[in-house]
Protein backbone atom coordinates (compact mmCIF):
# COMPACT_ATOMS: atom_id res chain seq x y z
CA MET A 1 157.37 28.84 180.63
CA LYS A 2 153.62 29.19 180.23
CA SER A 3 153.69 32.74 181.63
CA ILE A 4 156.47 33.73 179.22
CA LYS A 5 154.37 32.49 176.29
CA SER A 6 151.36 34.39 177.62
CA LEU A 7 153.43 37.55 178.03
CA LEU A 8 154.86 37.18 174.52
CA ALA A 9 151.38 36.66 173.07
CA LEU A 10 150.08 39.74 174.91
CA THR A 11 153.03 41.82 173.72
CA LEU A 12 152.56 40.76 170.10
CA THR A 13 148.83 41.47 170.28
CA THR A 14 149.48 44.93 171.76
CA LEU A 15 152.05 45.66 169.05
CA ALA A 16 149.65 44.59 166.30
CA LEU A 17 146.92 46.82 167.72
CA ALA A 18 149.32 49.75 167.96
CA ILE A 19 150.35 49.35 164.33
CA SER A 20 146.71 49.00 163.35
CA ALA A 21 145.80 52.19 165.21
CA GLN A 22 148.67 54.07 163.58
CA GLY A 23 147.48 52.91 160.17
CA ALA A 24 144.20 54.59 160.95
CA ASP A 25 146.09 57.89 161.01
CA LEU A 26 147.90 57.76 157.68
CA VAL A 27 145.47 58.69 154.94
CA ASN A 28 146.19 61.02 152.03
CA ILE A 29 143.93 63.96 152.89
CA SER A 30 143.39 67.52 151.68
CA GLY A 31 144.65 70.03 154.24
CA ALA A 32 142.74 70.85 157.40
CA SER A 33 139.47 69.56 155.92
CA ASN A 34 140.68 65.94 156.24
CA ILE A 35 138.91 65.10 152.97
CA ALA A 36 140.22 61.92 151.39
CA VAL A 37 140.69 61.21 147.67
CA GLY A 38 140.32 64.87 146.74
CA GLY A 39 136.59 64.74 147.47
CA TYR A 40 135.85 61.98 144.96
CA ASP A 41 133.32 59.30 145.84
CA THR A 42 135.39 56.15 146.38
CA VAL A 43 132.35 53.90 145.97
CA ALA A 44 131.66 55.36 142.51
CA PHE A 45 134.92 53.89 141.21
CA PHE A 46 133.36 50.48 141.86
CA THR A 47 129.74 51.22 140.90
CA ASP A 48 130.01 53.86 138.14
CA HIS A 49 133.48 52.82 136.94
CA LYS A 50 134.70 56.42 136.85
CA PRO A 51 135.70 59.26 139.17
CA VAL A 52 132.62 61.08 140.50
CA ASN A 53 132.76 64.17 142.70
CA GLY A 54 131.20 63.73 146.10
CA ASP A 55 128.54 65.96 147.64
CA PRO A 56 129.95 67.58 150.83
CA GLY A 57 126.54 67.09 152.43
CA ILE A 58 126.93 63.30 152.20
CA SER A 59 130.01 62.22 154.12
CA ALA A 60 131.40 59.68 156.55
CA THR A 61 134.58 59.49 158.61
CA PHE A 62 136.89 56.49 158.52
CA GLN A 63 140.46 56.19 159.80
CA GLY A 64 140.56 59.89 160.66
CA ALA A 65 139.62 61.01 157.14
CA THR A 66 136.36 62.35 155.72
CA TYR A 67 135.03 60.55 152.66
CA ILE A 68 132.45 62.31 150.49
CA PHE A 69 129.81 60.52 148.41
CA SER A 70 127.66 61.37 145.42
CA SER A 71 124.61 59.63 146.90
CA GLN A 72 123.26 58.32 150.17
CA GLU A 73 123.26 54.85 148.60
CA ASN A 74 127.03 55.05 148.05
CA LYS A 75 127.54 56.28 151.60
CA ASN A 76 125.55 53.30 152.88
CA LEU A 77 127.67 50.90 150.81
CA PHE A 78 130.80 52.51 152.22
CA LEU A 79 129.56 52.31 155.81
CA ALA A 80 128.73 48.62 155.35
CA ASP A 81 132.33 47.83 154.28
CA PRO A 82 134.69 50.83 154.38
CA VAL A 83 137.84 48.74 153.89
CA LYS A 84 136.48 47.53 150.54
CA TYR A 85 136.01 51.08 149.27
CA THR A 86 139.07 52.89 150.61
CA PRO A 87 142.07 53.09 148.29
CA GLN A 88 145.13 50.99 148.95
CA CYS A 89 148.19 52.63 150.50
CA GLY A 90 146.05 55.15 152.36
CA GLY A 91 145.21 56.85 149.06
CA PHE A 92 148.86 57.67 148.35
CA CYS A 93 150.56 56.71 145.09
CA ALA A 94 150.80 52.91 145.13
CA PHE A 95 154.04 52.91 143.13
CA GLY A 96 155.52 55.47 145.53
CA VAL A 97 154.71 53.19 148.46
CA SER A 98 156.31 50.29 146.58
CA VAL A 99 159.58 52.26 146.57
CA GLY A 100 159.16 53.44 150.16
CA ALA A 101 157.82 56.96 149.55
CA LEU A 102 154.55 58.87 149.90
CA PHE A 103 153.58 60.65 146.67
CA PRO A 104 150.38 62.53 145.85
CA VAL A 105 148.03 61.11 143.23
CA ASP A 106 146.34 62.05 139.98
CA ILE A 107 142.75 60.79 140.06
CA THR A 108 142.97 59.81 136.37
CA THR A 109 145.36 56.99 137.33
CA TRP A 110 142.71 55.07 139.27
CA GLN A 111 142.23 51.38 138.68
CA ILE A 112 140.50 48.52 140.42
CA ARG A 113 142.38 45.23 140.41
CA GLY A 114 141.56 42.25 142.53
CA GLY A 115 138.65 44.21 144.02
CA LYS A 116 140.98 46.94 145.34
CA LEU A 117 141.31 50.58 144.35
CA TYR A 118 144.79 51.83 143.46
CA LEU A 119 145.91 55.38 142.65
CA ASN A 120 149.22 56.66 141.29
CA LEU A 121 151.17 59.89 140.82
CA ASN A 122 150.69 60.21 137.05
CA GLN A 123 150.19 58.15 133.89
CA SER A 124 153.91 57.43 133.49
CA ILE A 125 154.15 56.09 137.04
CA LEU A 126 150.96 54.08 136.49
CA LYS A 127 152.64 52.34 133.54
CA LYS A 128 155.68 51.53 135.73
CA PHE A 129 153.40 50.24 138.48
CA ASN A 130 151.46 48.04 136.07
CA ALA A 131 154.60 46.74 134.32
CA ASP A 132 155.05 44.34 137.25
CA PHE A 133 151.79 44.82 139.12
CA ALA A 134 152.00 41.80 141.44
CA ALA A 135 155.59 42.52 142.50
CA ASN A 136 154.87 46.23 143.02
CA VAL A 137 151.80 45.46 145.14
CA ALA A 138 153.88 43.04 147.22
CA LYS A 139 156.55 45.73 147.73
CA ALA A 140 153.91 48.30 148.64
CA ASP A 141 152.31 45.91 151.14
CA LYS A 142 155.74 45.26 152.67
CA ASN A 143 156.66 48.97 152.86
CA TRP A 144 153.32 50.28 154.11
CA PRO A 145 153.72 49.44 157.84
CA GLY A 146 157.09 51.24 157.98
CA LEU A 147 155.67 54.31 156.24
CA VAL A 148 152.74 54.32 158.67
CA GLU A 149 155.11 54.07 161.63
CA LYS A 150 157.31 56.87 160.30
CA ASN A 151 154.58 59.23 159.05
CA GLY A 152 151.42 58.36 160.99
CA LYS A 153 149.96 60.64 163.62
């Protein structure tokens, strides 16, 4: 009985790590360059409270994507806690993920809620997403692992 429990625990741990690794390979990137968030500095959304273009000379890689920053200071903040500064849903439209789809994003739809960065397809979709924010985030969180499994590398 003890060995069955150990085997089950090992299997579940391996499965969790596999899902985690796949999640590392599903980020909304620009073509072959692997640049995330259209080259915008993800830290700037938190520090400058607006979209700021990154400098291609200041970059870091996380989860298979290249993030570009407007300053070395922002890059350092990112490197200290990349999960804090990466957008939810791999940088795909959060509302799209809530309905089980991967949509591109319009940077003007950005918002930080609960210390997390969310992006959406357009202003109309942003309004739908925000109409029931908590429920839509819960749906997106539920759908994300399946989308990663289906679409991850």
